[in-house]
N, C-alpha and C. Protein backbone atom coordinates (compact mmCIF):
# COMPACT_ATOMS: atom_id res chain seq x y z
N MET A 1 -40.02 -16.38 -64.48
CA MET A 1 -39.64 -15.52 -64.37
C MET A 1 -38.44 -16.10 -63.23
N THR A 2 -37.59 -14.25 -62.84
CA THR A 2 -36.51 -14.20 -62.23
C THR A 2 -36.63 -14.43 -60.99
N SER A 3 -36.16 -15.21 -60.27
CA SER A 3 -36.07 -15.86 -59.13
C SER A 3 -34.82 -14.92 -58.45
N LEU A 4 -35.61 -14.55 -56.64
CA LEU A 4 -35.07 -13.59 -56.14
C LEU A 4 -33.75 -14.30 -55.84
N ALA A 5 -32.67 -13.45 -55.10
CA ALA A 5 -30.81 -14.62 -54.25
C ALA A 5 -31.74 -14.46 -53.09
N PRO A 6 -30.90 -16.12 -52.44
CA PRO A 6 -31.32 -15.81 -50.56
C PRO A 6 -30.95 -14.71 -49.92
N ALA A 7 -31.52 -14.47 -48.77
CA ALA A 7 -31.89 -13.56 -48.04
C ALA A 7 -30.45 -14.11 -47.60
N ALA A 8 -28.75 -12.94 -47.27
CA ALA A 8 -28.34 -12.84 -46.83
C ALA A 8 -28.28 -12.93 -45.04
N ALA A 9 -27.47 -14.01 -44.57
CA ALA A 9 -27.46 -14.63 -43.60
C ALA A 9 -27.74 -13.27 -42.68
N SER A 10 -27.91 -13.57 -41.07
CA SER A 10 -28.33 -12.86 -40.05
C SER A 10 -26.60 -12.90 -39.55
N ALA A 11 -26.67 -11.62 -38.99
CA ALA A 11 -25.54 -11.29 -38.24
C ALA A 11 -25.91 -12.12 -37.00
N VAL A 12 -24.88 -12.71 -36.65
CA VAL A 12 -24.82 -13.64 -35.38
C VAL A 12 -24.86 -12.47 -34.16
N ALA A 13 -25.59 -12.86 -33.34
CA ALA A 13 -25.71 -11.46 -32.00
C ALA A 13 -24.79 -11.83 -31.36
N PRO A 14 -24.43 -10.70 -30.12
CA PRO A 14 -22.93 -11.05 -29.82
C PRO A 14 -23.46 -11.30 -28.34
N ALA A 15 -22.60 -13.30 -28.01
CA ALA A 15 -22.38 -13.22 -26.66
C ALA A 15 -23.44 -12.43 -25.49
N THR A 16 -23.88 -13.49 -24.93
CA THR A 16 -24.26 -12.71 -23.75
C THR A 16 -23.74 -12.92 -22.51
N PRO A 17 -22.99 -11.45 -21.80
CA PRO A 17 -22.18 -12.10 -20.80
C PRO A 17 -22.47 -12.92 -19.73
N LYS A 18 -21.88 -13.61 -18.31
CA LYS A 18 -21.95 -15.00 -18.08
C LYS A 18 -21.45 -14.69 -16.33
N ILE A 19 -22.61 -14.75 -15.46
CA ILE A 19 -22.29 -14.75 -14.49
C ILE A 19 -21.56 -15.74 -14.11
N ILE A 20 -20.14 -15.54 -13.21
CA ILE A 20 -19.13 -16.90 -13.04
C ILE A 20 -18.85 -16.56 -12.10
N GLY A 21 -19.64 -15.88 -10.99
CA GLY A 21 -18.47 -15.48 -9.03
C GLY A 21 -19.12 -14.72 -8.72
N LYS A 22 -18.29 -14.00 -7.70
CA LYS A 22 -18.74 -13.22 -7.35
C LYS A 22 -16.91 -12.58 -6.91
N ALA A 23 -17.27 -11.06 -6.90
CA ALA A 23 -15.76 -10.33 -6.70
C ALA A 23 -16.35 -9.51 -5.03
N LEU A 24 -15.06 -9.82 -4.69
CA LEU A 24 -15.62 -9.37 -2.82
C LEU A 24 -14.29 -7.79 -2.82
N TYR A 25 -15.67 -7.13 -2.45
CA TYR A 25 -14.47 -5.71 -1.80
C TYR A 25 -14.80 -5.10 -0.55
N LEU A 26 -13.89 -4.87 -1.01
CA LEU A 26 -13.07 -4.15 0.84
C LEU A 26 -12.86 -3.24 0.60
N GLU A 27 -13.80 -2.17 1.38
CA GLU A 27 -13.83 -0.48 1.53
C GLU A 27 -12.44 -0.36 3.25
N LEU A 28 -11.50 0.27 2.80
CA LEU A 28 -10.72 0.55 4.54
C LEU A 28 -10.35 1.85 4.65
N ILE A 29 -10.45 1.69 5.92
CA ILE A 29 -10.85 2.92 6.39
C ILE A 29 -9.53 3.73 7.33
N ASN A 30 -8.90 4.40 8.22
CA ASN A 30 -7.39 4.29 8.26
C ASN A 30 -8.37 3.39 10.40
N ASN A 31 -6.81 2.91 10.43
CA ASN A 31 -7.43 2.44 12.07
C ASN A 31 -7.11 3.23 13.10
N PRO A 32 -8.38 3.81 13.55
CA PRO A 32 -8.50 4.08 14.89
C PRO A 32 -7.04 3.81 16.68
N ASP A 33 -6.36 2.74 16.06
CA ASP A 33 -5.84 2.04 17.17
C ASP A 33 -4.18 2.34 16.96
N ALA A 34 -4.26 2.21 15.71
CA ALA A 34 -3.12 3.09 15.04
C ALA A 34 -2.14 4.05 15.86
N PRO A 35 -0.93 3.54 15.98
CA PRO A 35 -0.54 5.32 16.04
C PRO A 35 -0.21 5.87 15.26
N GLU A 36 -0.51 7.66 16.23
CA GLU A 36 -0.30 7.87 14.89
C GLU A 36 0.32 8.64 13.89
N LYS A 37 1.54 8.07 14.07
CA LYS A 37 2.47 8.42 12.39
C LYS A 37 3.12 7.44 11.78
N SER A 38 1.35 6.42 12.13
CA SER A 38 1.57 5.22 11.29
C SER A 38 1.03 5.90 10.09
N VAL A 39 0.40 6.42 9.99
CA VAL A 39 -0.35 6.65 8.98
C VAL A 39 0.10 7.73 7.99
N GLY A 40 0.21 7.70 6.85
CA GLY A 40 1.39 8.72 5.67
C GLY A 40 0.14 9.86 5.41
N TYR A 41 0.79 11.26 5.71
CA TYR A 41 -0.17 12.88 6.19
C TYR A 41 -0.50 12.75 4.62
N TRP A 42 -0.37 12.27 3.44
CA TRP A 42 -1.67 11.44 1.99
C TRP A 42 -2.57 10.54 2.21
N TYR A 43 -2.18 10.43 3.52
CA TYR A 43 -3.24 8.56 3.33
C TYR A 43 -4.61 9.26 3.68
N LYS A 44 -4.11 10.37 5.44
CA LYS A 44 -4.92 11.11 6.33
C LYS A 44 -6.46 10.84 5.85
N ASN A 45 -7.02 9.94 6.90
CA ASN A 45 -9.06 10.05 6.08
C ASN A 45 -8.79 9.45 5.29
N GLY A 46 -8.29 8.82 5.23
CA GLY A 46 -8.15 8.20 2.66
C GLY A 46 -9.47 7.14 3.42
N VAL A 47 -9.67 6.69 2.38
CA VAL A 47 -9.82 5.66 1.85
C VAL A 47 -9.59 4.71 0.95
N ARG A 48 -9.33 3.56 1.20
CA ARG A 48 -8.80 2.46 0.55
C ARG A 48 -9.60 1.49 -0.50
N GLN A 49 -9.73 1.23 -1.42
CA GLN A 49 -10.43 0.48 -2.28
C GLN A 49 -9.80 -1.00 -2.90
N VAL A 50 -10.60 -1.45 -2.63
CA VAL A 50 -9.82 -3.13 -2.93
C VAL A 50 -10.46 -3.79 -3.42
N ILE A 51 -10.98 -4.61 -4.38
CA ILE A 51 -11.53 -5.70 -5.93
C ILE A 51 -10.45 -7.08 -4.86
N ILE A 52 -11.66 -7.59 -5.31
CA ILE A 52 -10.90 -8.81 -5.09
C ILE A 52 -11.60 -9.74 -6.31
N PHE A 53 -11.04 -10.09 -7.70
CA PHE A 53 -11.69 -10.64 -8.79
C PHE A 53 -11.22 -11.99 -8.38
N PRO A 54 -11.94 -13.50 -8.46
CA PRO A 54 -11.89 -14.62 -7.99
C PRO A 54 -11.18 -15.39 -9.03
N GLU A 55 -10.20 -16.27 -8.82
CA GLU A 55 -9.71 -17.44 -10.21
C GLU A 55 -10.79 -17.94 -10.21
N HIS A 56 -10.55 -18.29 -11.93
CA HIS A 56 -12.30 -18.23 -12.32
C HIS A 56 -10.98 -19.38 -13.63
N ILE A 57 -12.51 -20.71 -14.10
CA ILE A 57 -12.24 -21.30 -15.69
C ILE A 57 -13.13 -20.67 -16.31
N ASP A 58 -12.14 -20.60 -17.76
CA ASP A 58 -12.79 -19.44 -18.87
C ASP A 58 -13.33 -20.28 -19.80
N GLU A 59 -14.31 -20.04 -21.18
CA GLU A 59 -15.23 -20.67 -21.36
C GLU A 59 -14.28 -21.50 -22.51
N VAL A 60 -12.87 -21.64 -22.82
CA VAL A 60 -12.25 -23.10 -23.88
C VAL A 60 -11.69 -23.70 -21.91
N GLY A 61 -11.92 -23.48 -20.78
CA GLY A 61 -11.46 -24.32 -20.19
C GLY A 61 -9.82 -23.98 -18.99
N ASN A 62 -9.83 -23.16 -19.25
CA ASN A 62 -7.80 -21.94 -18.86
C ASN A 62 -8.23 -21.65 -16.94
N VAL A 63 -7.28 -21.94 -16.68
CA VAL A 63 -8.07 -21.17 -15.28
C VAL A 63 -7.14 -19.69 -15.37
N LYS A 64 -7.94 -19.73 -14.49
CA LYS A 64 -7.09 -17.87 -14.31
C LYS A 64 -6.76 -17.05 -13.69
N PRO A 65 -5.98 -16.57 -13.15
CA PRO A 65 -5.67 -15.63 -11.90
C PRO A 65 -6.51 -15.04 -11.22
N ALA A 66 -6.60 -15.04 -10.19
CA ALA A 66 -7.43 -14.10 -9.24
C ALA A 66 -5.99 -12.61 -9.60
N ALA A 67 -7.47 -12.20 -9.13
CA ALA A 67 -6.84 -10.67 -9.49
C ALA A 67 -7.03 -9.80 -8.13
N VAL A 68 -6.02 -8.26 -7.66
CA VAL A 68 -6.14 -7.68 -6.91
C VAL A 68 -6.79 -5.85 -7.90
N TRP A 69 -7.74 -5.41 -7.09
CA TRP A 69 -7.42 -4.04 -8.47
C TRP A 69 -7.96 -2.59 -6.86
N GLU A 70 -6.73 -1.90 -6.52
CA GLU A 70 -6.54 -1.18 -4.91
C GLU A 70 -6.47 0.16 -5.97
N ARG A 71 -6.54 0.91 -4.83
CA ARG A 71 -6.33 2.38 -4.63
C ARG A 71 -6.79 3.40 -3.74
N VAL A 72 -5.87 4.05 -2.77
CA VAL A 72 -6.18 4.78 -2.42
C VAL A 72 -7.03 6.88 -2.66
N VAL A 73 -8.36 6.87 -1.61
CA VAL A 73 -9.11 7.76 -2.21
C VAL A 73 -9.02 9.07 -0.59
N SER A 74 -8.17 10.39 -1.41
CA SER A 74 -8.04 11.27 0.19
C SER A 74 -8.40 12.88 -0.34
N ALA A 75 -7.67 13.59 0.75
CA ALA A 75 -8.55 15.17 0.75
C ALA A 75 -7.09 15.42 -0.97
N HIS A 76 -6.58 14.94 -0.30
CA HIS A 76 -5.14 14.97 -1.63
C HIS A 76 -5.09 14.37 -2.70
N SER A 77 -5.75 13.37 -2.67
CA SER A 77 -6.13 12.58 -4.68
C SER A 77 -7.02 11.70 -4.04
N PRO A 78 -8.25 12.96 -4.79
CA PRO A 78 -9.81 12.74 -4.87
C PRO A 78 -10.19 11.68 -6.28
N ARG A 79 -8.84 12.07 -6.96
CA ARG A 79 -8.96 10.87 -7.81
C ARG A 79 -8.37 9.89 -8.31
N SER A 80 -8.25 9.43 -7.82
CA SER A 80 -6.56 8.58 -7.68
C SER A 80 -7.27 7.73 -8.90
N GLN A 81 -5.56 7.00 -9.29
CA GLN A 81 -5.76 5.54 -10.13
C GLN A 81 -5.93 4.50 -9.74
N TRP A 82 -6.60 3.10 -10.93
CA TRP A 82 -6.40 1.92 -9.97
C TRP A 82 -5.03 1.56 -9.71
N ASN A 83 -4.75 1.21 -9.04
CA ASN A 83 -3.99 -0.41 -9.55
C ASN A 83 -4.54 -1.45 -9.25
N ASN A 84 -3.50 -2.37 -9.96
CA ASN A 84 -3.72 -3.63 -10.64
C ASN A 84 -2.66 -4.66 -10.02
N THR A 85 -3.54 -5.77 -9.36
CA THR A 85 -1.97 -7.04 -9.22
C THR A 85 -2.39 -8.71 -9.76
N THR A 86 -1.75 -9.46 -10.35
CA THR A 86 -2.72 -10.75 -11.28
C THR A 86 -2.09 -11.45 -10.30
N ILE A 87 -2.50 -11.77 -9.20
CA ILE A 87 -2.16 -13.46 -7.94
C ILE A 87 -1.51 -14.08 -9.36
N SER A 88 -0.33 -14.49 -10.33
CA SER A 88 0.10 -15.32 -11.11
C SER A 88 1.15 -15.81 -10.57
N ARG A 89 2.54 -14.89 -10.63
CA ARG A 89 3.34 -15.47 -9.91
C ARG A 89 3.11 -15.18 -8.65
N LEU A 90 3.40 -16.62 -8.28
CA LEU A 90 3.25 -17.29 -7.14
C LEU A 90 4.36 -17.23 -5.94
N VAL A 91 4.41 -16.59 -4.81
CA VAL A 91 5.48 -16.46 -3.59
C VAL A 91 5.10 -17.67 -2.88
N LYS A 92 6.75 -18.34 -2.42
CA LYS A 92 6.47 -18.94 -1.00
C LYS A 92 6.75 -18.41 -0.33
N PRO A 93 5.44 -19.64 0.63
CA PRO A 93 5.94 -19.65 2.21
C PRO A 93 7.16 -19.51 3.00
N ALA A 94 7.85 -17.63 3.64
CA ALA A 94 8.68 -17.70 4.55
C ALA A 94 8.83 -18.47 5.53
N THR A 95 10.35 -18.83 5.28
CA THR A 95 10.43 -19.27 6.58
C THR A 95 10.31 -18.33 8.18
N GLN A 96 11.21 -18.63 8.71
CA GLN A 96 11.22 -18.47 11.15
C GLN A 96 12.07 -17.27 10.70
N GLU A 97 12.85 -18.22 9.69
CA GLU A 97 14.79 -18.20 9.42
C GLU A 97 14.66 -16.13 8.80
N GLU A 98 14.12 -17.16 7.70
CA GLU A 98 13.74 -15.85 7.28
C GLU A 98 12.93 -14.68 6.85
N LEU A 99 12.26 -14.34 7.94
CA LEU A 99 11.43 -13.27 8.71
C LEU A 99 12.23 -13.03 9.61
N ASP A 100 13.27 -13.50 10.52
CA ASP A 100 13.72 -12.91 10.98
C ASP A 100 15.40 -12.75 10.43
N ALA A 101 15.98 -13.19 10.02
CA ALA A 101 16.54 -11.91 8.86
C ALA A 101 16.21 -10.68 8.38
N GLU A 102 15.24 -10.92 7.82
CA GLU A 102 14.13 -9.65 6.58
C GLU A 102 13.66 -8.21 7.92
N GLY A 103 13.62 -9.13 8.74
CA GLY A 103 12.91 -7.56 9.73
C GLY A 103 12.19 -7.43 9.00
N TYR A 104 11.32 -6.63 9.23
CA TYR A 104 10.43 -5.42 8.91
C TYR A 104 9.73 -5.80 7.97
N HIS A 105 10.68 -5.68 6.80
CA HIS A 105 10.40 -5.27 5.10
C HIS A 105 10.75 -7.13 5.06
N LEU A 106 9.87 -7.56 3.96
CA LEU A 106 10.29 -8.97 3.39
C LEU A 106 10.46 -9.35 1.82
N SER A 107 11.04 -10.14 1.25
CA SER A 107 11.00 -9.98 -0.05
C SER A 107 10.36 -11.28 -0.83
N PHE A 108 9.64 -11.52 -1.18
CA PHE A 108 9.32 -13.56 -1.20
C PHE A 108 10.05 -13.86 -2.32
N ASN A 109 10.44 -14.95 -2.22
CA ASN A 109 10.73 -15.48 -3.52
C ASN A 109 9.31 -16.15 -4.51
N THR A 110 9.40 -16.34 -5.81
CA THR A 110 8.74 -17.09 -6.66
C THR A 110 8.94 -18.39 -6.73
N TYR A 111 7.97 -19.05 -7.09
CA TYR A 111 8.29 -20.06 -8.22
C TYR A 111 8.77 -20.48 -9.15
N THR A 112 9.61 -20.78 -9.39
CA THR A 112 9.59 -20.56 -10.78
C THR A 112 8.75 -22.17 -11.90
N SER A 113 8.76 -22.18 -13.08
CA SER A 113 8.02 -22.40 -13.81
C SER A 113 8.11 -24.50 -13.31
N ASP A 114 8.90 -24.29 -13.41
CA ASP A 114 9.45 -25.97 -13.20
C ASP A 114 9.23 -26.54 -11.57
N GLU A 115 9.87 -25.59 -10.63
CA GLU A 115 8.51 -25.46 -9.43
C GLU A 115 7.37 -26.34 -9.60
N PHE A 116 6.51 -24.78 -10.67
CA PHE A 116 5.25 -24.99 -10.11
C PHE A 116 4.23 -25.96 -10.45
N LYS A 117 5.42 -26.57 -11.72
CA LYS A 117 4.54 -27.54 -12.22
C LYS A 117 4.78 -29.65 -11.69
N ALA A 118 5.71 -29.12 -11.05
CA ALA A 118 6.22 -30.36 -9.38
C ALA A 118 5.43 -30.16 -8.85
N LEU A 119 4.41 -29.24 -8.14
CA LEU A 119 3.44 -29.14 -7.63
C LEU A 119 1.79 -30.34 -7.60
N THR A 120 0.99 -30.57 -6.39
CA THR A 120 0.33 -31.32 -6.08
C THR A 120 -0.57 -30.02 -7.12
N ASP A 121 -2.50 -30.50 -6.97
CA ASP A 121 -2.95 -29.17 -7.32
C ASP A 121 -3.50 -28.53 -5.34
N ARG A 122 -3.17 -29.00 -5.08
CA ARG A 122 -2.93 -28.42 -3.55
C ARG A 122 -2.62 -27.66 -3.09
N GLU A 123 -1.73 -28.34 -3.65
CA GLU A 123 -0.53 -27.49 -2.55
C GLU A 123 -0.39 -25.94 -3.76
N LYS A 124 -0.77 -25.99 -5.51
CA LYS A 124 -0.92 -25.12 -6.70
C LYS A 124 -1.70 -24.43 -5.16
N PHE A 125 -3.31 -24.89 -5.27
CA PHE A 125 -3.80 -24.03 -4.52
C PHE A 125 -3.80 -23.12 -3.20
N ASP A 126 -2.74 -23.73 -2.53
CA ASP A 126 -2.51 -23.07 -1.10
C ASP A 126 -1.45 -22.11 -1.63
N ALA A 127 -0.30 -22.17 -2.31
CA ALA A 127 0.50 -21.48 -2.80
C ALA A 127 -0.28 -19.87 -3.18
N ALA A 128 -1.00 -20.33 -4.15
CA ALA A 128 -2.19 -19.13 -4.57
C ALA A 128 -2.51 -18.70 -3.41
N LEU A 129 -3.44 -19.19 -2.30
CA LEU A 129 -4.22 -18.34 -1.09
C LEU A 129 -3.16 -18.17 0.07
N TYR A 130 -2.09 -18.06 -0.56
CA TYR A 130 -0.52 -17.82 0.25
C TYR A 130 -0.63 -16.32 0.15
N THR A 131 -0.13 -16.58 -1.66
CA THR A 131 -0.11 -15.15 -2.23
C THR A 131 -0.80 -14.07 -2.16
N LEU A 132 -2.12 -14.62 -2.42
CA LEU A 132 -2.99 -13.37 -2.27
C LEU A 132 -3.15 -12.75 -1.04
N THR A 133 -2.72 -14.09 0.18
CA THR A 133 -3.39 -13.25 1.63
C THR A 133 -2.45 -12.52 1.70
N GLN A 134 -1.01 -12.71 1.40
CA GLN A 134 0.69 -11.79 1.45
C GLN A 134 -0.23 -10.27 0.94
N THR A 135 -0.20 -10.35 -0.41
CA THR A 135 -0.85 -9.47 -1.48
C THR A 135 -1.65 -8.31 -0.64
N LEU A 136 -3.13 -8.91 0.56
CA LEU A 136 -4.51 -7.76 0.86
C LEU A 136 -3.39 -7.49 2.73
N LYS A 137 -2.41 -7.96 2.68
CA LYS A 137 -1.10 -8.32 4.11
C LYS A 137 -1.01 -6.57 3.67
N SER A 138 -0.45 -6.57 2.26
CA SER A 138 0.39 -5.66 2.23
C SER A 138 -0.49 -3.88 1.98
N HIS A 139 -1.71 -3.48 1.96
CA HIS A 139 -3.07 -2.78 1.58
C HIS A 139 -3.52 -2.73 3.11
N LEU A 140 -3.15 -3.81 4.20
CA LEU A 140 -3.55 -3.21 5.64
C LEU A 140 -2.33 -3.30 6.49
N LEU A 141 -1.60 -3.15 6.02
CA LEU A 141 -0.03 -2.69 7.12
C LEU A 141 1.03 -1.41 6.38
N ASP A 142 1.67 -0.86 7.24
CA ASP A 142 2.33 -0.35 6.67
C ASP A 142 3.27 0.25 7.94
N THR A 143 4.71 -0.10 6.89
CA THR A 143 5.69 0.83 7.64
C THR A 143 6.26 1.83 8.09
N TYR A 144 6.62 2.77 9.33
CA TYR A 144 6.89 3.49 9.54
C TYR A 144 8.10 3.94 10.16
N ALA A 145 8.26 5.26 10.54
CA ALA A 145 9.62 5.37 11.41
C ALA A 145 9.25 6.45 12.46
N TYR A 146 10.19 5.98 13.51
CA TYR A 146 9.76 6.57 15.17
C TYR A 146 10.73 6.70 15.86
N GLU A 147 10.58 7.27 16.63
CA GLU A 147 11.87 7.39 17.43
C GLU A 147 11.79 7.06 19.36
N ASP A 148 12.95 5.97 19.07
CA ASP A 148 12.13 5.53 20.63
C ASP A 148 13.25 6.03 21.83
N ALA A 149 13.44 5.49 23.42
CA ALA A 149 12.98 6.80 23.85
C ALA A 149 14.72 6.96 23.79
N GLU A 150 15.55 6.54 23.58
CA GLU A 150 17.34 7.22 23.29
C GLU A 150 17.35 7.88 21.57
N GLY A 151 15.62 8.41 21.34
CA GLY A 151 16.10 9.25 20.33
C GLY A 151 16.54 8.72 18.96
N GLN A 152 16.64 7.32 19.30
CA GLN A 152 16.86 6.68 18.41
C GLN A 152 15.92 6.15 17.10
N ARG A 153 16.26 6.60 15.52
CA ARG A 153 15.35 6.31 14.89
C ARG A 153 15.43 5.16 15.04
N GLN A 154 13.89 4.09 14.78
CA GLN A 154 13.42 3.42 14.25
C GLN A 154 12.01 3.07 13.29
N TRP A 155 12.22 1.34 13.05
CA TRP A 155 11.34 1.50 11.92
C TRP A 155 10.79 0.40 13.16
N GLY A 156 9.11 0.83 12.63
CA GLY A 156 7.09 -0.15 12.77
C GLY A 156 6.38 -0.45 12.25
N VAL A 157 5.70 -1.96 12.27
CA VAL A 157 4.91 -2.43 11.58
C VAL A 157 3.49 -1.78 12.30
N SER A 158 2.21 -1.74 11.54
CA SER A 158 1.64 -0.81 12.03
C SER A 158 0.42 -1.16 11.27
N GLN A 159 -0.90 -1.85 12.08
CA GLN A 159 -2.22 -2.31 10.92
C GLN A 159 -2.47 -0.75 10.37
N THR A 160 -2.91 -0.36 9.98
CA THR A 160 -3.44 1.42 9.88
C THR A 160 -4.43 1.15 8.89
N TRP A 161 -4.95 -0.11 8.73
CA TRP A 161 -6.38 -0.26 7.34
C TRP A 161 -7.45 -0.90 8.35
N VAL A 162 -8.39 -0.22 8.33
CA VAL A 162 -9.42 -1.83 8.90
C VAL A 162 -10.94 -1.17 7.79
N ILE A 163 -11.27 -2.42 8.44
CA ILE A 163 -13.09 -2.76 6.93
C ILE A 163 -13.71 -1.84 7.63
N ARG A 164 -14.77 -1.10 6.67
CA ARG A 164 -15.31 0.41 7.20
C ARG A 164 -16.63 -0.66 7.58
N ASP A 165 -16.72 -0.35 8.84
CA ASP A 165 -18.20 -1.63 9.93
C ASP A 165 -17.62 -3.02 9.83
N SER A 166 -16.77 -3.30 8.86
CA SER A 166 -16.41 -4.78 9.62
C SER A 166 -17.48 -5.28 8.07
N LYS A 167 -17.72 -4.37 7.33
CA LYS A 167 -18.03 -4.78 6.10
C LYS A 167 -18.37 -5.20 5.38
N PRO A 168 -17.40 -6.66 4.36
CA PRO A 168 -17.35 -7.03 3.14
C PRO A 168 -18.28 -6.80 2.45
N ILE A 169 -17.94 -6.83 1.00
CA ILE A 169 -19.74 -6.99 0.69
C ILE A 169 -18.99 -7.39 -1.16
N ALA A 170 -19.98 -8.10 -1.86
CA ALA A 170 -19.50 -9.26 -2.29
C ALA A 170 -20.60 -8.45 -3.86
N VAL A 171 -19.92 -8.71 -4.87
CA VAL A 171 -21.12 -8.37 -6.04
C VAL A 171 -21.14 -9.64 -7.59
N GLU A 172 -21.42 -9.72 -7.69
CA GLU A 172 -21.31 -10.49 -9.34
C GLU A 172 -21.17 -9.88 -10.02
N ILE A 173 -19.77 -10.65 -10.90
CA ILE A 173 -19.09 -10.64 -12.22
C ILE A 173 -19.56 -11.30 -12.85
N THR A 174 -19.01 -11.14 -13.90
CA THR A 174 -19.50 -11.82 -16.07
C THR A 174 -18.07 -11.85 -15.86
N ASP A 175 -18.31 -13.15 -17.50
CA ASP A 175 -16.89 -13.44 -17.73
C ASP A 175 -16.57 -11.77 -18.24
N GLU A 176 -17.12 -11.24 -18.96
CA GLU A 176 -16.91 -9.85 -19.49
C GLU A 176 -16.10 -8.49 -18.62
N ASP A 177 -16.86 -8.70 -16.97
CA ASP A 177 -15.90 -8.54 -16.27
C ASP A 177 -14.87 -8.61 -16.16
N ALA A 178 -14.02 -10.69 -15.34
CA ALA A 178 -12.79 -10.95 -15.59
C ALA A 178 -12.20 -10.49 -16.80
N SER A 179 -12.92 -10.63 -18.44
CA SER A 179 -11.68 -10.53 -19.40
C SER A 179 -11.31 -8.73 -18.78
N ASN A 180 -12.20 -8.18 -18.94
CA ASN A 180 -10.94 -6.52 -19.16
C ASN A 180 -11.05 -6.66 -17.25
N ALA A 181 -10.70 -6.82 -17.00
CA ALA A 181 -9.64 -7.27 -15.58
C ALA A 181 -8.03 -7.79 -15.88
N ARG A 182 -8.36 -8.67 -16.47
CA ARG A 182 -7.04 -9.74 -16.76
C ARG A 182 -6.54 -8.20 -17.46
N SER A 183 -7.41 -7.53 -18.92
CA SER A 183 -6.43 -6.80 -19.16
C SER A 183 -6.11 -5.78 -19.00
N TYR A 184 -5.73 -5.68 -17.83
CA TYR A 184 -5.87 -3.80 -17.56
C TYR A 184 -7.27 -3.11 -17.33
N LYS A 185 -7.96 -3.45 -18.24
CA LYS A 185 -9.37 -1.94 -18.43
C LYS A 185 -9.99 -1.98 -17.18
N THR A 186 -9.29 -0.67 -16.23
CA THR A 186 -10.38 -0.74 -15.04
C THR A 186 -11.93 -0.87 -15.51
N PRO A 187 -12.22 -2.21 -14.19
CA PRO A 187 -13.08 -2.71 -14.27
C PRO A 187 -14.69 -1.53 -13.69
N GLN A 188 -14.92 -0.73 -14.70
CA GLN A 188 -15.91 0.35 -14.36
C GLN A 188 -17.61 -0.43 -13.99
N ALA A 189 -17.73 -1.62 -14.58
CA ALA A 189 -19.48 -1.71 -14.68
C ALA A 189 -19.15 -2.84 -13.32
N VAL A 190 -18.05 -3.25 -12.82
CA VAL A 190 -17.94 -4.04 -11.33
C VAL A 190 -18.88 -2.28 -10.45
N ILE A 191 -17.55 -1.58 -10.16
CA ILE A 191 -17.14 -0.28 -9.50
C ILE A 191 -18.62 0.16 -9.54
N ARG A 192 -19.53 0.48 -10.73
CA ARG A 192 -20.35 0.65 -10.27
C ARG A 192 -21.84 -0.03 -9.51
N ARG A 193 -21.64 -0.50 -9.75
CA ARG A 193 -22.22 -2.01 -8.62
C ARG A 193 -21.72 -2.36 -7.40
N ILE A 194 -20.85 -1.76 -7.42
CA ILE A 194 -20.10 -1.80 -6.13
C ILE A 194 -20.64 -0.25 -5.28
N GLN A 195 -20.46 -0.02 -5.85
CA GLN A 195 -20.89 1.77 -5.58
C GLN A 195 -22.78 2.21 -5.01
N LYS A 196 -23.15 0.81 -5.94
CA LYS A 196 -25.14 0.53 -5.21
C LYS A 196 -24.88 -0.36 -3.65
N ALA A 197 -23.74 -0.70 -3.44
CA ALA A 197 -24.37 -2.06 -2.72
C ALA A 197 -23.90 -1.33 -1.46
N ARG A 198 -22.46 0.44 -1.84
CA ARG A 198 -21.99 0.91 -0.65
C ARG A 198 -23.04 1.53 -0.05
N VAL A 199 -23.53 2.22 -0.85
CA VAL A 199 -24.76 3.13 -0.81
C VAL A 199 -26.05 2.14 0.50
N ALA A 200 -25.91 0.67 -0.14
CA ALA A 200 -27.54 0.39 0.79
C ALA A 200 -27.02 -0.31 2.00
N VAL A 201 -26.37 -0.70 2.14
CA VAL A 201 -25.55 -1.54 3.72
C VAL A 201 -25.09 -0.15 4.16
N GLY A 202 -25.00 1.46 3.90
CA GLY A 202 -24.99 2.16 4.55
C GLY A 202 -23.97 3.42 4.35
N PHE A 203 -22.87 2.84 3.90
CA PHE A 203 -21.56 3.81 3.79
C PHE A 203 -22.18 4.86 2.73
N PRO A 204 -20.68 5.84 3.53
CA PRO A 204 -20.96 7.50 3.06
C PRO A 204 -21.40 7.34 1.28
N GLU A 205 -21.91 8.27 0.67
CA GLU A 205 -22.19 7.81 -0.90
C GLU A 205 -20.69 8.30 -1.46
N LYS A 206 -20.09 9.73 -0.35
CA LYS A 206 -18.96 10.18 -1.03
C LYS A 206 -17.53 9.58 -0.14
N LEU A 207 -17.21 8.78 -0.64
CA LEU A 207 -15.55 8.30 -0.12
C LEU A 207 -15.29 9.16 0.62
N VAL A 208 -14.66 10.22 0.26
CA VAL A 208 -13.85 11.33 1.56
C VAL A 208 -14.58 12.54 0.74
């Protein structure tokens, strides 16, 4: 009697995404107390969406940097594309002398590879936090031109955006979400969770 060949091995089931933490969502609207000219025409009555993906450790133990996804939706750009910034090139804290020299605009110097390796773990953490803080400031503040009492053109800085209802929103993210975000793929699954959460806390269903 002829024996049957062994059945083929079952296909390996795909790994289930693992929750690795939470992303922070900030929904920013025009600051009603900001100078009128500080809000650009294209951003007037718009909404700035900011998603912060935290630094985390991947499945093989490598530290992956934080990332910030951001876009501005307005009547002039209702389908605006998302922009991504990875917090990997860490910047050095600016000295007061550098701030005074640069005025309203400041270009930060980044650590070289050797400089970064020489930092302690605490200094590396502080550098990442400082870089993320400066990145978020760039989404809250804007420069604008105005005329002084003598009719001379001047430049000012204003906080043109504030968090809607002072309510940041945290949503769970998986290793798959983080991997997609690192690969510059728009984090659609996270955005869908955010949409459900923002409506649940009382935000308008439509952004603009």
